[in-house]
Amino acid sequence: MNMNKASLIDEISGILGGSKADADRAVSGVFDKITETLKGGGEVSIAGFGIFSVKDRAARQARNPRTGELVNVPATRVAKFRPSKALKETVKS
């Protein structure tokens, strides 16, 4: 089973017994706060789930696979997720 934001909202609504609008606000609020914290350079640690953080990638040169030409790739910041030990074990079994 695959899950997207809409199906997550449906599941949360069913668990809480509330409206889908309330579940949508809750799910969107969580995503917004995680995004806001990462944008500010912080990290979000959720016990038993994992850690969302930001990593700085240095500028580098890469090669265009089609032409073989060297291309400059600028420095950037990327979102990173490290799963907790509990999540890793749950997924394994």
N, C-alpha and C. Protein backbone atom coordinates (compact mmCIF):
# COMPACT_ATOMS: atom_id res chain seq x y z
N MET A 1 0.84 -1.18 0.00
CA MET A 1 0.00 0.00 0.00
C MET A 1 0.88 1.24 0.00
N ASN A 2 0.62 2.15 -0.88
CA ASN A 2 1.30 3.44 -0.90
C ASN A 2 0.42 4.46 -0.21
N MET A 3 1.06 5.47 0.36
CA MET A 3 0.30 6.50 1.06
C MET A 3 0.77 7.86 0.60
N ASN A 4 -0.20 8.74 0.35
CA ASN A 4 0.10 10.13 0.04
C ASN A 4 -0.55 11.00 1.12
N LYS A 5 -0.45 12.31 0.97
CA LYS A 5 -0.96 13.21 2.00
C LYS A 5 -2.47 13.02 2.21
N ALA A 6 -3.22 12.87 1.13
CA ALA A 6 -4.67 12.72 1.25
C ALA A 6 -5.04 11.44 2.00
N SER A 7 -4.37 10.33 1.71
CA SER A 7 -4.68 9.08 2.41
C SER A 7 -4.20 9.15 3.87
N LEU A 8 -3.12 9.86 4.12
CA LEU A 8 -2.67 10.06 5.51
C LEU A 8 -3.72 10.84 6.29
N ILE A 9 -4.27 11.87 5.67
CA ILE A 9 -5.33 12.67 6.32
C ILE A 9 -6.54 11.80 6.60
N ASP A 10 -6.93 10.94 5.66
CA ASP A 10 -8.06 10.02 5.87
C ASP A 10 -7.80 9.11 7.06
N GLU A 11 -6.58 8.56 7.14
CA GLU A 11 -6.23 7.66 8.24
C GLU A 11 -6.26 8.39 9.60
N ILE A 12 -5.67 9.57 9.65
CA ILE A 12 -5.65 10.35 10.90
C ILE A 12 -7.07 10.72 11.31
N SER A 13 -7.90 11.09 10.36
CA SER A 13 -9.30 11.43 10.64
C SER A 13 -10.02 10.23 11.25
N GLY A 14 -9.77 9.05 10.71
CA GLY A 14 -10.39 7.84 11.23
C GLY A 14 -9.90 7.50 12.63
N ILE A 15 -8.62 7.69 12.88
CA ILE A 15 -8.06 7.39 14.21
C ILE A 15 -8.61 8.34 15.25
N LEU A 16 -8.66 9.63 14.92
CA LEU A 16 -9.12 10.63 15.88
C LEU A 16 -10.64 10.71 15.98
N GLY A 17 -11.32 10.23 14.97
CA GLY A 17 -12.77 10.31 14.97
C GLY A 17 -13.28 11.72 14.70
N GLY A 18 -12.43 12.58 14.18
CA GLY A 18 -12.82 13.96 13.89
C GLY A 18 -13.06 14.14 12.41
N SER A 19 -13.17 15.38 12.01
CA SER A 19 -13.42 15.68 10.60
C SER A 19 -12.11 15.62 9.81
N LYS A 20 -12.27 15.48 8.49
CA LYS A 20 -11.09 15.48 7.63
C LYS A 20 -10.42 16.85 7.63
N ALA A 21 -11.22 17.90 7.80
CA ALA A 21 -10.65 19.26 7.83
C ALA A 21 -9.72 19.42 9.03
N ASP A 22 -10.13 18.87 10.19
CA ASP A 22 -9.28 18.94 11.39
C ASP A 22 -8.00 18.13 11.18
N ALA A 23 -8.14 16.95 10.59
CA ALA A 23 -6.97 16.11 10.33
C ALA A 23 -6.04 16.79 9.32
N ASP A 24 -6.62 17.45 8.33
CA ASP A 24 -5.82 18.16 7.33
C ASP A 24 -5.02 19.28 7.98
N ARG A 25 -5.66 20.03 8.87
CA ARG A 25 -4.95 21.11 9.58
C ARG A 25 -3.82 20.54 10.44
N ALA A 26 -4.06 19.42 11.09
CA ALA A 26 -3.04 18.81 11.94
C ALA A 26 -1.86 18.32 11.12
N VAL A 27 -2.13 17.58 10.06
CA VAL A 27 -1.05 17.04 9.21
C VAL A 27 -0.28 18.18 8.55
N SER A 28 -1.01 19.15 8.00
CA SER A 28 -0.35 20.29 7.35
C SER A 28 0.48 21.09 8.36
N GLY A 29 -0.04 21.22 9.58
CA GLY A 29 0.70 21.93 10.63
C GLY A 29 2.01 21.26 10.97
N VAL A 30 1.99 19.93 11.06
CA VAL A 30 3.22 19.18 11.35
C VAL A 30 4.23 19.38 10.22
N PHE A 31 3.78 19.23 8.97
CA PHE A 31 4.68 19.40 7.83
C PHE A 31 5.23 20.82 7.77
N ASP A 32 4.36 21.80 8.02
CA ASP A 32 4.79 23.21 7.99
C ASP A 32 5.86 23.49 9.04
N LYS A 33 5.67 22.97 10.25
CA LYS A 33 6.65 23.22 11.33
C LYS A 33 7.98 22.53 11.04
N ILE A 34 7.93 21.31 10.51
CA ILE A 34 9.17 20.63 10.15
C ILE A 34 9.90 21.43 9.08
N THR A 35 9.17 21.87 8.05
CA THR A 35 9.76 22.66 6.97
C THR A 35 10.34 23.97 7.49
N GLU A 36 9.60 24.65 8.34
CA GLU A 36 10.05 25.93 8.91
C GLU A 36 11.33 25.76 9.72
N THR A 37 11.38 24.70 10.52
CA THR A 37 12.56 24.44 11.35
C THR A 37 13.78 24.13 10.48
N LEU A 38 13.60 23.31 9.44
CA LEU A 38 14.70 22.97 8.55
C LEU A 38 15.18 24.20 7.79
N LYS A 39 14.24 25.03 7.35
CA LYS A 39 14.60 26.24 6.63
C LYS A 39 15.46 27.16 7.50
N GLY A 40 15.19 27.17 8.80
CA GLY A 40 15.97 27.97 9.73
C GLY A 40 17.30 27.33 10.12
N GLY A 41 17.59 26.14 9.59
CA GLY A 41 18.86 25.48 9.88
C GLY A 41 18.81 24.55 11.07
N GLY A 42 17.63 24.37 11.67
CA GLY A 42 17.51 23.49 12.83
C GLY A 42 17.26 22.05 12.43
N GLU A 43 17.00 21.23 13.43
CA GLU A 43 16.68 19.84 13.18
C GLU A 43 15.48 19.44 14.01
N VAL A 44 14.73 18.45 13.53
CA VAL A 44 13.54 17.96 14.20
C VAL A 44 13.78 16.50 14.55
N SER A 45 13.73 16.20 15.84
CA SER A 45 13.96 14.85 16.31
C SER A 45 12.65 14.29 16.88
N ILE A 46 12.20 13.17 16.31
CA ILE A 46 10.97 12.54 16.76
C ILE A 46 11.36 11.17 17.31
N ALA A 47 11.23 11.02 18.63
CA ALA A 47 11.65 9.78 19.29
C ALA A 47 10.95 8.58 18.68
N GLY A 48 11.71 7.53 18.39
CA GLY A 48 11.17 6.31 17.83
C GLY A 48 10.91 6.39 16.33
N PHE A 49 11.14 7.54 15.72
CA PHE A 49 10.90 7.69 14.29
C PHE A 49 12.17 8.09 13.56
N GLY A 50 12.75 9.25 13.91
CA GLY A 50 13.98 9.66 13.26
C GLY A 50 14.25 11.14 13.42
N ILE A 51 15.27 11.60 12.71
CA ILE A 51 15.72 12.99 12.80
C ILE A 51 15.74 13.60 11.40
N PHE A 52 15.04 14.73 11.26
CA PHE A 52 15.09 15.53 10.05
C PHE A 52 16.13 16.61 10.28
N SER A 53 17.05 16.80 9.33
CA SER A 53 18.08 17.82 9.47
C SER A 53 18.42 18.40 8.10
N VAL A 54 19.32 19.38 8.11
CA VAL A 54 19.76 20.03 6.88
C VAL A 54 21.25 19.80 6.73
N LYS A 55 21.67 19.50 5.51
CA LYS A 55 23.08 19.27 5.23
C LYS A 55 23.52 20.26 4.15
N ASP A 56 24.69 20.84 4.33
CA ASP A 56 25.26 21.73 3.32
C ASP A 56 26.11 20.89 2.36
N ARG A 57 25.86 21.05 1.08
CA ARG A 57 26.68 20.38 0.07
C ARG A 57 27.58 21.41 -0.58
N ALA A 58 28.85 21.10 -0.65
CA ALA A 58 29.83 22.01 -1.23
C ALA A 58 29.67 22.07 -2.75
N ALA A 59 30.15 23.16 -3.32
CA ALA A 59 30.17 23.28 -4.78
C ALA A 59 31.12 22.22 -5.33
N ARG A 60 30.81 21.75 -6.52
CA ARG A 60 31.65 20.70 -7.11
C ARG A 60 31.52 20.73 -8.62
N GLN A 61 32.33 19.93 -9.25
CA GLN A 61 32.21 19.76 -10.70
C GLN A 61 31.69 18.36 -10.97
N ALA A 62 30.76 18.27 -11.91
CA ALA A 62 30.21 16.98 -12.31
C ALA A 62 30.37 16.87 -13.82
N ARG A 63 30.14 15.68 -14.31
CA ARG A 63 30.28 15.46 -15.75
C ARG A 63 28.90 15.15 -16.33
N ASN A 64 28.55 15.86 -17.41
CA ASN A 64 27.30 15.60 -18.12
C ASN A 64 27.44 14.23 -18.78
N PRO A 65 26.60 13.25 -18.41
CA PRO A 65 26.77 11.90 -18.96
C PRO A 65 26.52 11.82 -20.47
N ARG A 66 25.74 12.73 -21.00
CA ARG A 66 25.42 12.70 -22.42
C ARG A 66 26.57 13.24 -23.27
N THR A 67 27.17 14.35 -22.81
CA THR A 67 28.21 15.00 -23.62
C THR A 67 29.62 14.79 -23.07
N GLY A 68 29.73 14.42 -21.79
CA GLY A 68 31.04 14.28 -21.17
C GLY A 68 31.61 15.61 -20.73
N GLU A 69 30.88 16.70 -20.93
CA GLU A 69 31.35 18.04 -20.58
C GLU A 69 31.29 18.25 -19.06
N LEU A 70 32.30 18.96 -18.52
CA LEU A 70 32.31 19.29 -17.10
C LEU A 70 31.30 20.41 -16.84
N VAL A 71 30.55 20.26 -15.74
CA VAL A 71 29.52 21.23 -15.38
C VAL A 71 29.77 21.64 -13.93
N ASN A 72 29.68 22.94 -13.64
CA ASN A 72 29.81 23.40 -12.26
C ASN A 72 28.48 23.26 -11.55
N VAL A 73 28.49 22.58 -10.40
CA VAL A 73 27.30 22.41 -9.58
C VAL A 73 27.48 23.32 -8.36
N PRO A 74 26.58 24.28 -8.15
CA PRO A 74 26.75 25.22 -7.04
C PRO A 74 26.51 24.57 -5.68
N ALA A 75 27.02 25.20 -4.63
CA ALA A 75 26.78 24.75 -3.26
C ALA A 75 25.28 24.87 -2.98
N THR A 76 24.77 23.97 -2.15
CA THR A 76 23.34 23.98 -1.84
C THR A 76 23.09 23.35 -0.47
N ARG A 77 21.90 23.54 0.03
CA ARG A 77 21.46 22.91 1.27
C ARG A 77 20.39 21.89 0.92
N VAL A 78 20.47 20.71 1.53
CA VAL A 78 19.49 19.66 1.25
C VAL A 78 18.92 19.12 2.55
N ALA A 79 17.66 18.69 2.50
CA ALA A 79 17.02 18.07 3.65
C ALA A 79 17.53 16.63 3.77
N LYS A 80 17.66 16.18 5.00
CA LYS A 80 18.19 14.85 5.27
C LYS A 80 17.31 14.20 6.33
N PHE A 81 17.13 12.87 6.25
CA PHE A 81 16.38 12.13 7.26
C PHE A 81 17.19 10.93 7.71
N ARG A 82 17.36 10.80 9.02
CA ARG A 82 18.04 9.64 9.60
C ARG A 82 17.01 8.87 10.41
N PRO A 83 16.65 7.67 9.98
CA PRO A 83 15.66 6.89 10.73
C PRO A 83 16.23 6.43 12.07
N SER A 84 15.34 6.29 13.05
CA SER A 84 15.76 5.81 14.36
C SER A 84 16.00 4.30 14.30
N LYS A 85 16.66 3.79 15.31
CA LYS A 85 16.92 2.36 15.39
C LYS A 85 15.61 1.59 15.43
N ALA A 86 14.63 2.12 16.17
CA ALA A 86 13.33 1.45 16.28
C ALA A 86 12.64 1.37 14.92
N LEU A 87 12.69 2.44 14.14
CA LEU A 87 12.07 2.43 12.81
C LEU A 87 12.78 1.44 11.90
N LYS A 88 14.11 1.42 11.96
CA LYS A 88 14.87 0.47 11.13
C LYS A 88 14.48 -0.97 11.46
N GLU A 89 14.38 -1.28 12.74
CA GLU A 89 14.03 -2.64 13.17
C GLU A 89 12.60 -2.99 12.74
N THR A 90 11.68 -2.05 12.84
CA THR A 90 10.30 -2.29 12.45
C THR A 90 10.20 -2.58 10.96
N VAL A 91 10.94 -1.85 10.15
CA VAL A 91 10.90 -2.04 8.70
C VAL A 91 11.53 -3.38 8.31
N LYS A 92 12.56 -3.79 9.03
CA LYS A 92 13.25 -5.05 8.72
C LYS A 92 12.33 -6.26 8.88
N SER A 93 11.48 -6.22 9.91
CA SER A 93 10.68 -7.43 10.20
C SER A 93 9.37 -7.46 9.48
